[in-house]
N, C-alpha and C. Protein backbone atom coordinates (compact mmCIF):
# COMPACT_ATOMS: atom_id res chain seq x y z
N MET A 1 33.51 25.41 -66.33
CA MET A 1 33.34 24.49 -67.36
C MET A 1 33.74 25.09 -68.78
N ARG A 2 34.33 24.25 -69.69
CA ARG A 2 34.37 24.75 -70.95
C ARG A 2 33.33 24.28 -71.69
N VAL A 3 32.78 25.26 -72.52
CA VAL A 3 31.64 25.04 -73.24
C VAL A 3 31.86 24.96 -74.86
N GLU A 4 31.39 24.24 -75.46
CA GLU A 4 31.81 24.15 -77.09
C GLU A 4 30.53 23.85 -77.89
N ILE A 5 30.20 24.82 -78.78
CA ILE A 5 28.90 24.37 -79.53
C ILE A 5 29.23 23.97 -80.70
N LEU A 6 28.67 22.86 -81.23
CA LEU A 6 29.24 22.08 -82.32
C LEU A 6 28.12 22.45 -83.53
N ALA A 7 28.59 22.38 -84.63
CA ALA A 7 27.65 22.61 -85.77
C ALA A 7 27.07 21.22 -86.21
N HIS A 8 27.84 20.12 -85.93
CA HIS A 8 27.04 18.74 -86.30
C HIS A 8 27.27 17.76 -85.19
N VAL A 9 26.35 16.97 -84.92
CA VAL A 9 26.37 15.91 -83.77
C VAL A 9 26.00 14.61 -84.47
N ALA A 10 26.78 13.57 -84.29
CA ALA A 10 26.25 12.41 -84.72
C ALA A 10 25.89 11.43 -83.58
N VAL A 11 24.59 11.12 -83.29
CA VAL A 11 23.97 10.63 -81.95
C VAL A 11 23.68 8.93 -82.52
N ALA A 12 24.08 8.06 -81.47
CA ALA A 12 23.59 6.77 -81.70
C ALA A 12 22.78 6.34 -80.42
N GLU A 13 22.26 5.27 -80.46
CA GLU A 13 21.32 4.89 -79.31
C GLU A 13 22.26 4.70 -77.95
N ALA A 14 21.47 4.77 -76.75
CA ALA A 14 22.28 4.60 -75.64
C ALA A 14 22.80 3.18 -75.39
N SER A 15 24.14 3.17 -75.00
CA SER A 15 24.87 2.11 -74.99
C SER A 15 24.68 1.35 -73.54
N ARG A 16 24.62 1.99 -72.56
CA ARG A 16 24.34 1.59 -71.35
C ARG A 16 22.99 2.42 -70.57
N PRO A 17 22.40 1.46 -69.90
CA PRO A 17 21.15 2.10 -69.22
C PRO A 17 21.51 3.25 -68.23
N ALA A 18 20.65 3.94 -67.88
CA ALA A 18 20.81 5.15 -66.93
C ALA A 18 21.07 4.74 -65.75
N ALA A 19 20.49 3.49 -65.24
CA ALA A 19 20.73 2.75 -64.02
C ALA A 19 22.10 2.49 -63.48
N ASP A 20 22.96 2.80 -64.76
CA ASP A 20 24.60 2.25 -64.49
C ASP A 20 25.14 3.59 -63.71
N ASN A 21 24.58 4.61 -63.87
CA ASN A 21 25.40 5.93 -63.13
C ASN A 21 24.26 6.60 -62.31
N ARG A 22 24.38 6.78 -61.11
CA ARG A 22 23.48 7.39 -60.38
C ARG A 22 23.32 8.95 -60.69
N ALA A 23 24.16 9.50 -61.16
CA ALA A 23 24.16 10.95 -61.35
C ALA A 23 23.27 11.31 -62.57
N LEU A 24 23.36 10.31 -63.76
CA LEU A 24 22.67 10.31 -64.80
C LEU A 24 21.19 10.10 -64.54
N GLN A 25 20.89 9.07 -63.56
CA GLN A 25 19.63 8.58 -63.19
C GLN A 25 19.02 9.63 -62.70
N ALA A 26 19.66 10.28 -61.61
CA ALA A 26 18.94 11.49 -60.95
C ALA A 26 18.57 12.77 -61.78
N PHE A 27 19.35 12.83 -62.86
CA PHE A 27 19.15 14.06 -63.89
C PHE A 27 18.00 13.63 -64.70
N LEU A 28 18.04 12.43 -65.10
CA LEU A 28 16.69 11.93 -65.78
C LEU A 28 15.45 11.98 -65.18
N ALA A 29 15.44 11.53 -64.04
CA ALA A 29 14.29 11.64 -63.10
C ALA A 29 13.87 13.01 -62.99
N SER A 30 14.90 13.92 -62.93
CA SER A 30 14.37 15.40 -62.64
C SER A 30 13.45 15.81 -63.81
N LEU A 31 13.92 15.46 -64.89
CA LEU A 31 13.35 16.02 -66.09
C LEU A 31 12.13 15.23 -66.36
N LYS A 32 11.71 14.22 -65.79
CA LYS A 32 10.33 13.47 -65.97
C LYS A 32 9.29 13.90 -64.88
N SER A 33 9.49 15.01 -64.35
CA SER A 33 8.58 15.34 -63.47
C SER A 33 7.38 15.94 -64.18
N GLU A 34 6.16 16.06 -63.66
CA GLU A 34 5.15 16.65 -64.46
C GLU A 34 5.37 18.06 -64.90
N ASP A 35 5.93 18.77 -64.23
CA ASP A 35 6.04 20.44 -64.51
C ASP A 35 7.39 20.64 -65.23
N SER A 36 8.09 19.52 -65.58
CA SER A 36 9.20 19.69 -66.53
C SER A 36 9.01 20.59 -68.09
N LEU A 37 9.58 20.97 -68.24
CA LEU A 37 9.65 21.59 -69.85
C LEU A 37 10.43 21.08 -70.49
N PHE A 38 11.21 20.04 -70.01
CA PHE A 38 12.02 19.29 -71.25
C PHE A 38 11.80 17.59 -70.70
N ARG A 39 12.52 16.67 -71.89
CA ARG A 39 12.42 15.52 -71.69
C ARG A 39 13.93 15.20 -72.21
N ALA A 40 14.35 13.98 -71.64
CA ALA A 40 15.75 13.91 -72.08
C ALA A 40 15.93 12.33 -72.29
N THR A 41 16.79 11.85 -73.23
CA THR A 41 17.14 10.59 -73.35
C THR A 41 18.61 10.21 -73.35
N PRO A 42 19.25 9.25 -72.69
CA PRO A 42 20.71 9.18 -72.53
C PRO A 42 20.95 8.57 -74.16
N CYS A 43 22.33 8.97 -74.50
CA CYS A 43 22.66 8.53 -75.84
C CYS A 43 24.28 8.46 -75.78
N THR A 44 24.79 7.93 -76.77
CA THR A 44 26.08 8.07 -77.03
C THR A 44 26.48 8.68 -78.29
N LEU A 45 27.76 9.33 -78.07
CA LEU A 45 28.01 10.07 -79.41
C LEU A 45 29.27 9.53 -79.94
N GLN A 46 29.66 9.74 -81.15
CA GLN A 46 30.61 9.25 -81.70
C GLN A 46 31.90 9.78 -81.52
N PRO A 47 32.71 8.81 -80.60
CA PRO A 47 33.88 9.84 -80.11
C PRO A 47 34.89 10.10 -81.36
N GLY A 48 35.77 11.19 -81.00
CA GLY A 48 36.80 11.37 -81.77
C GLY A 48 37.78 10.03 -81.56
N ALA A 49 38.98 10.04 -82.21
CA ALA A 49 40.16 9.01 -81.98
C ALA A 49 40.79 9.58 -80.86
N PRO A 50 40.71 8.65 -79.62
CA PRO A 50 41.69 9.15 -78.57
C PRO A 50 43.08 8.90 -78.85
N THR A 51 43.95 9.69 -78.13
CA THR A 51 45.34 9.69 -78.21
C THR A 51 45.74 8.83 -77.05
N PRO A 52 46.93 8.29 -77.13
CA PRO A 52 47.54 7.38 -75.84
C PRO A 52 47.84 8.34 -74.67
N ALA A 53 48.24 9.47 -75.18
CA ALA A 53 48.79 10.39 -74.00
C ALA A 53 47.47 11.14 -73.44
N GLU A 54 46.36 10.86 -73.83
CA GLU A 54 45.12 11.66 -73.20
C GLU A 54 45.07 11.05 -71.70
N THR A 55 44.41 12.07 -70.97
CA THR A 55 44.29 11.99 -69.72
C THR A 55 42.91 11.04 -69.40
N PRO A 56 42.77 10.30 -68.47
CA PRO A 56 41.53 9.46 -68.41
C PRO A 56 40.37 10.36 -68.19
N SER A 57 39.24 9.89 -69.00
CA SER A 57 37.93 10.74 -69.02
C SER A 57 36.87 9.82 -68.70
N PHE A 58 35.89 10.76 -68.52
CA PHE A 58 34.50 9.80 -68.44
C PHE A 58 33.52 10.81 -69.37
N SER A 59 32.58 10.10 -70.11
CA SER A 59 31.87 11.14 -70.81
C SER A 59 30.41 10.27 -71.10
N GLY A 60 29.54 11.20 -71.21
CA GLY A 60 28.08 10.68 -71.54
C GLY A 60 27.19 11.87 -72.21
N GLY A 61 26.18 11.38 -72.63
CA GLY A 61 25.35 12.34 -73.37
C GLY A 61 23.67 12.37 -73.25
N VAL A 62 23.16 13.22 -73.49
CA VAL A 62 21.51 13.14 -73.51
C VAL A 62 21.15 13.99 -74.79
N VAL A 63 20.01 13.43 -75.30
CA VAL A 63 19.31 14.25 -76.46
C VAL A 63 18.12 14.79 -75.48
N LEU A 64 18.13 16.18 -75.52
CA LEU A 64 17.07 17.01 -74.84
C LEU A 64 16.16 17.71 -75.73
N SER A 65 14.93 17.46 -75.57
CA SER A 65 13.90 18.21 -76.09
C SER A 65 12.57 18.66 -75.25
N PHE A 66 11.76 19.49 -75.91
CA PHE A 66 10.82 20.05 -75.21
C PHE A 66 9.63 19.00 -75.06
N CYS A 67 9.05 19.15 -73.94
CA CYS A 67 7.92 18.12 -73.77
C CYS A 67 6.54 18.66 -74.85
N ASN A 68 6.65 19.92 -74.92
CA ASN A 68 5.53 20.38 -76.05
C ASN A 68 5.96 20.47 -77.53
N GLU A 69 5.43 19.59 -78.33
CA GLU A 69 6.16 19.28 -79.61
C GLU A 69 6.21 20.63 -80.55
N ALA A 70 4.98 21.46 -80.23
CA ALA A 70 5.18 22.85 -80.77
C ALA A 70 6.26 23.49 -80.68
N HIS A 71 6.93 23.34 -79.47
CA HIS A 71 8.04 24.00 -79.23
C HIS A 71 9.46 23.46 -79.84
N ASN A 72 9.17 22.32 -80.04
CA ASN A 72 10.43 21.42 -80.96
C ASN A 72 10.56 21.85 -82.19
N ARG A 73 9.71 22.58 -82.78
CA ARG A 73 9.57 23.24 -84.11
C ARG A 73 10.14 24.56 -84.22
N ASP A 74 10.21 25.19 -83.03
CA ASP A 74 10.84 26.40 -82.89
C ASP A 74 12.24 26.43 -82.39
N ARG A 75 13.12 26.73 -83.51
CA ARG A 75 14.66 26.87 -83.48
C ARG A 75 14.80 28.04 -82.68
N GLY A 76 13.92 29.08 -82.45
CA GLY A 76 14.51 30.15 -81.71
C GLY A 76 14.60 29.81 -80.27
N LEU A 77 13.70 28.91 -79.95
CA LEU A 77 13.70 28.67 -78.43
C LEU A 77 14.87 27.84 -78.18
N TYR A 78 15.48 27.00 -79.02
CA TYR A 78 16.57 26.33 -78.93
C TYR A 78 17.85 27.04 -78.90
N TYR A 79 17.71 28.31 -79.55
CA TYR A 79 18.70 29.37 -79.66
C TYR A 79 18.86 29.96 -78.38
N VAL A 80 17.75 30.22 -77.78
CA VAL A 80 17.75 30.77 -76.42
C VAL A 80 18.16 29.86 -75.35
N LEU A 81 17.68 28.42 -75.53
CA LEU A 81 18.39 27.64 -74.63
C LEU A 81 19.72 27.56 -74.65
N ILE A 82 20.46 27.14 -75.61
CA ILE A 82 21.97 27.09 -75.91
C ILE A 82 22.45 28.31 -75.49
N GLU A 83 22.08 29.64 -75.73
CA GLU A 83 22.61 30.79 -75.06
C GLU A 83 22.74 30.91 -73.66
N LYS A 84 21.54 30.60 -73.07
CA LYS A 84 21.57 30.63 -71.57
C LYS A 84 22.27 29.49 -70.91
N LEU A 85 22.39 28.37 -71.56
CA LEU A 85 23.05 27.15 -71.07
C LEU A 85 24.65 27.44 -70.96
N THR A 86 25.11 28.25 -72.08
CA THR A 86 26.49 28.40 -72.14
C THR A 86 26.76 29.32 -71.15
N GLU A 87 26.06 30.45 -71.02
CA GLU A 87 26.45 31.49 -70.15
C GLU A 87 26.44 30.91 -68.61
N LEU A 88 25.36 29.98 -68.32
CA LEU A 88 25.53 29.49 -66.89
C LEU A 88 26.75 28.37 -66.85
N LEU A 89 26.89 27.71 -67.72
CA LEU A 89 27.89 26.44 -67.70
C LEU A 89 29.24 26.99 -67.66
N LYS A 90 29.57 28.19 -68.32
CA LYS A 90 30.97 28.64 -68.43
C LYS A 90 31.44 29.07 -66.92
N GLU A 91 30.30 29.34 -65.99
CA GLU A 91 30.72 29.84 -64.69
C GLU A 91 30.84 28.56 -63.76
N ALA A 92 30.46 27.47 -64.03
CA ALA A 92 30.32 26.25 -63.33
C ALA A 92 31.63 25.39 -63.42
N GLY A 93 32.26 24.88 -62.47
CA GLY A 93 33.23 24.16 -62.47
C GLY A 93 34.51 24.34 -63.06
N SER A 94 35.53 23.66 -62.93
CA SER A 94 36.65 23.94 -63.92
C SER A 94 36.90 23.65 -65.29
N ALA A 95 37.36 24.43 -66.16
CA ALA A 95 37.45 24.57 -67.53
C ALA A 95 38.42 22.98 -67.82
N ASP A 96 39.46 22.87 -66.95
CA ASP A 96 40.43 22.02 -67.03
C ASP A 96 39.96 20.49 -66.86
N ALA A 97 38.80 20.40 -66.04
CA ALA A 97 38.16 19.20 -65.60
C ALA A 97 37.04 18.69 -66.29
N LEU A 98 36.19 19.68 -66.67
CA LEU A 98 34.80 19.54 -67.29
C LEU A 98 34.69 20.20 -68.51
N GLU A 99 33.91 19.65 -69.54
CA GLU A 99 33.75 20.27 -70.88
C GLU A 99 32.31 19.60 -71.10
N VAL A 100 31.50 20.38 -71.82
CA VAL A 100 30.11 20.28 -72.27
C VAL A 100 30.09 20.74 -73.71
N ARG A 101 29.62 19.74 -74.64
CA ARG A 101 29.37 20.26 -75.95
C ARG A 101 27.89 20.04 -76.22
N LEU A 102 27.52 21.12 -77.03
CA LEU A 102 26.05 21.41 -77.13
C LEU A 102 25.99 21.59 -78.67
N GLY A 103 25.19 20.52 -79.13
CA GLY A 103 24.72 20.60 -80.67
C GLY A 103 23.34 20.58 -80.92
N LEU A 104 22.68 21.48 -81.70
CA LEU A 104 21.28 21.40 -82.24
C LEU A 104 21.10 20.38 -83.33
N CYS A 105 20.20 19.74 -83.25
CA CYS A 105 20.10 18.61 -84.44
C CYS A 105 18.52 18.92 -84.91
N SER A 106 18.38 18.84 -86.23
CA SER A 106 16.98 18.98 -86.82
C SER A 106 16.83 17.33 -87.43
N GLN A 107 15.66 17.05 -86.95
CA GLN A 107 15.06 15.64 -87.62
C GLN A 107 13.64 16.05 -88.29
N ALA A 108 13.81 15.85 -89.76
CA ALA A 108 12.57 16.04 -90.71
C ALA A 108 11.67 14.74 -90.64
N GLU A 109 10.47 14.94 -90.23
CA GLU A 109 9.39 13.85 -90.23
C GLU A 109 8.85 13.84 -91.65
N PRO A 110 8.39 12.63 -92.13
CA PRO A 110 7.70 12.80 -93.12
C PRO A 110 6.28 13.14 -92.85
N GLY A 111 5.83 14.15 -93.78
CA GLY A 111 4.36 14.95 -93.61
C GLY A 111 4.20 15.82 -92.62
N ALA A 112 5.53 16.17 -91.79
CA ALA A 112 5.41 17.17 -90.95
C ALA A 112 5.70 18.41 -91.65
N PRO A 113 5.09 19.45 -91.25
CA PRO A 113 5.14 20.79 -91.85
C PRO A 113 6.62 21.51 -91.54
N ALA A 114 7.13 21.06 -90.33
CA ALA A 114 8.47 21.66 -90.23
C ALA A 114 9.33 20.72 -89.27
N ALA A 115 10.79 20.94 -89.17
CA ALA A 115 11.64 19.92 -88.68
C ALA A 115 11.46 19.91 -87.37
N ARG A 116 11.64 18.53 -86.54
CA ARG A 116 11.76 18.91 -85.29
C ARG A 116 13.08 18.95 -84.71
N ASN A 117 13.05 19.64 -83.78
CA ASN A 117 14.58 20.11 -83.12
C ASN A 117 14.86 19.35 -81.96
N CYS A 118 16.25 18.97 -81.54
CA CYS A 118 16.42 18.46 -80.22
C CYS A 118 17.85 19.15 -80.03
N LEU A 119 18.17 19.12 -78.75
CA LEU A 119 19.53 19.47 -78.48
C LEU A 119 20.32 18.17 -77.81
N VAL A 120 21.59 18.09 -78.19
CA VAL A 120 22.12 17.11 -77.87
C VAL A 120 23.46 17.89 -76.92
N LEU A 121 23.56 17.18 -75.86
CA LEU A 121 24.44 17.56 -74.84
C LEU A 121 25.53 16.60 -74.48
N GLU A 122 26.68 16.61 -74.68
CA GLU A 122 27.67 15.57 -74.14
C GLU A 122 28.66 16.42 -73.16
N LEU A 123 28.82 15.57 -71.88
CA LEU A 123 29.67 16.12 -70.90
C LEU A 123 30.66 15.30 -70.73
N ILE A 124 32.00 15.93 -70.81
CA ILE A 124 33.16 15.09 -70.57
C ILE A 124 34.05 15.68 -69.32
N ALA A 125 34.22 14.70 -68.41
CA ALA A 125 35.24 14.94 -67.22
C ALA A 125 36.53 14.41 -67.55
N ARG A 126 37.40 15.11 -66.77
CA ARG A 126 38.81 14.33 -66.95
C ARG A 126 39.34 14.25 -65.53
N GLY A 127 40.19 13.34 -65.14
CA GLY A 127 40.74 13.34 -63.79
C GLY A 127 42.20 12.55 -64.04
N SER A 128 42.71 12.48 -62.75
CA SER A 128 44.01 11.69 -62.78
C SER A 128 43.55 9.94 -63.09
N SER A 129 42.50 9.73 -62.76
CA SER A 129 42.07 8.17 -63.01
C SER A 129 40.64 8.44 -63.61
N ARG A 130 40.31 6.98 -64.11
CA ARG A 130 38.86 6.99 -64.51
C ARG A 130 38.09 7.09 -63.53
N GLU A 131 38.15 6.77 -62.28
CA GLU A 131 37.35 6.74 -61.11
C GLU A 131 37.09 8.12 -60.76
N GLN A 132 38.15 9.09 -60.82
CA GLN A 132 37.89 10.58 -60.39
C GLN A 132 37.30 11.16 -61.30
N ALA A 133 37.59 10.89 -62.96
CA ALA A 133 36.60 11.52 -64.04
C ALA A 133 35.28 11.19 -63.97
N GLU A 134 35.04 9.84 -63.46
CA GLU A 134 33.32 9.67 -63.28
C GLU A 134 32.84 10.39 -62.20
N LEU A 135 33.65 10.76 -61.25
CA LEU A 135 33.06 11.47 -59.86
C LEU A 135 32.88 13.00 -60.30
N ARG A 136 34.01 13.60 -61.08
CA ARG A 136 33.86 14.84 -61.70
C ARG A 136 32.59 14.82 -62.73
N TRP A 137 32.34 13.93 -63.41
CA TRP A 137 31.30 13.86 -64.52
C TRP A 137 29.91 14.07 -63.58
N GLY A 138 29.82 13.38 -62.58
CA GLY A 138 28.77 13.34 -61.55
C GLY A 138 28.55 14.80 -61.20
N LEU A 139 29.52 15.34 -60.90
CA LEU A 139 29.37 16.86 -60.38
C LEU A 139 28.99 17.60 -61.49
N GLY A 140 29.46 17.52 -62.57
CA GLY A 140 29.27 18.15 -64.11
C GLY A 140 27.70 18.07 -64.33
N VAL A 141 27.19 16.90 -64.03
CA VAL A 141 25.50 16.62 -64.22
C VAL A 141 24.99 17.50 -63.25
N ALA A 142 25.17 17.60 -62.10
CA ALA A 142 24.61 18.46 -61.09
C ALA A 142 24.63 19.75 -61.61
N HIS A 143 25.72 20.41 -62.19
CA HIS A 143 25.74 21.67 -62.77
C HIS A 143 24.84 21.78 -63.93
N LEU A 144 24.67 20.80 -64.71
CA LEU A 144 23.88 20.77 -65.98
C LEU A 144 22.48 21.03 -65.54
N GLN A 145 22.05 19.93 -64.45
CA GLN A 145 20.80 19.89 -64.01
C GLN A 145 20.38 21.26 -63.42
N GLN A 146 21.03 22.05 -62.68
CA GLN A 146 20.89 23.31 -62.16
C GLN A 146 20.73 24.42 -63.14
N ALA A 147 21.51 24.53 -64.33
CA ALA A 147 21.29 25.13 -65.55
C ALA A 147 20.14 25.05 -65.92
N LEU A 148 19.55 23.81 -66.35
CA LEU A 148 18.39 23.45 -66.89
C LEU A 148 17.38 24.06 -66.30
N LEU A 149 17.25 23.84 -64.91
CA LEU A 149 16.23 24.47 -63.90
C LEU A 149 16.21 25.76 -64.05
N PHE A 150 17.27 26.69 -64.14
CA PHE A 150 17.15 27.83 -64.18
C PHE A 150 16.75 28.40 -65.42
N THR A 151 17.09 27.82 -66.49
CA THR A 151 16.70 28.21 -67.80
C THR A 151 15.20 27.54 -68.03
N SER A 152 14.91 26.76 -67.61
CA SER A 152 13.50 26.35 -67.74
C SER A 152 12.62 27.40 -67.16
N ARG A 153 13.08 27.94 -65.90
CA ARG A 153 12.26 29.11 -65.50
C ARG A 153 12.00 30.40 -66.29
N LEU A 154 13.12 30.65 -66.90
CA LEU A 154 13.21 31.83 -67.75
C LEU A 154 12.43 31.47 -68.86
N LEU A 155 12.47 30.29 -69.49
CA LEU A 155 11.94 30.29 -70.93
C LEU A 155 10.40 30.11 -70.70
N ARG A 156 9.96 29.47 -69.19
CA ARG A 156 8.49 29.83 -69.01
C ARG A 156 7.86 31.01 -68.95
N GLN A 157 8.89 31.76 -68.39
CA GLN A 157 8.34 33.26 -68.34
C GLN A 157 8.24 33.86 -69.64
N GLN A 158 9.03 33.63 -70.68
CA GLN A 158 9.29 34.40 -71.74
C GLN A 158 8.09 33.79 -72.60
N LEU A 159 7.69 32.40 -72.28
CA LEU A 159 6.66 31.82 -73.26
C LEU A 159 5.17 32.37 -72.63
N SER A 160 5.19 32.40 -71.30
CA SER A 160 3.87 33.18 -70.91
C SER A 160 3.58 34.49 -71.22
N ALA A 161 4.81 35.39 -71.14
CA ALA A 161 4.55 36.68 -71.71
C ALA A 161 4.26 36.79 -73.22
N HIS A 162 4.88 35.58 -74.17
CA HIS A 162 4.54 35.64 -75.57
C HIS A 162 3.08 35.42 -75.60
N ASN A 163 2.52 34.66 -74.84
CA ASN A 163 1.19 33.91 -75.07
C ASN A 163 0.14 35.11 -74.74
N GLU A 164 0.67 35.96 -73.72
CA GLU A 164 -0.68 36.88 -73.27
C GLU A 164 -0.95 37.96 -74.29
């Protein structure tokens, strides 16, 4: 899978509910478990101008944050998350068919001592038809889910070692 780390990401509200796509619905459900380190919200990203010669594609995104609000203020945790996800996702899927864009966002809240961080993930799949691109996107979501599960275990170990 091709991985791109973005300096700036513009995020809008979700344009379609998660129920529209089974892969996204399963991904969001897996992150809602009690023992999950993360929470995710579907979103749409402002796309670049498509060219007429562009191959059919399917894309979708999520805003990922930690369930523990204190962790959302620690940019270092997000850097570890981005680094590990990049490493794992580069090994998953075809770089021609799947691309993931990762962008760290900071949201300043009035009266808060530090900015709240989140990670925006956009997954783009290409195919010979829109239907094939959507199927590949579902496979990409499964790769993303596995990478997050592995990274979650790693971060838990690091956090527990740090707290001891």
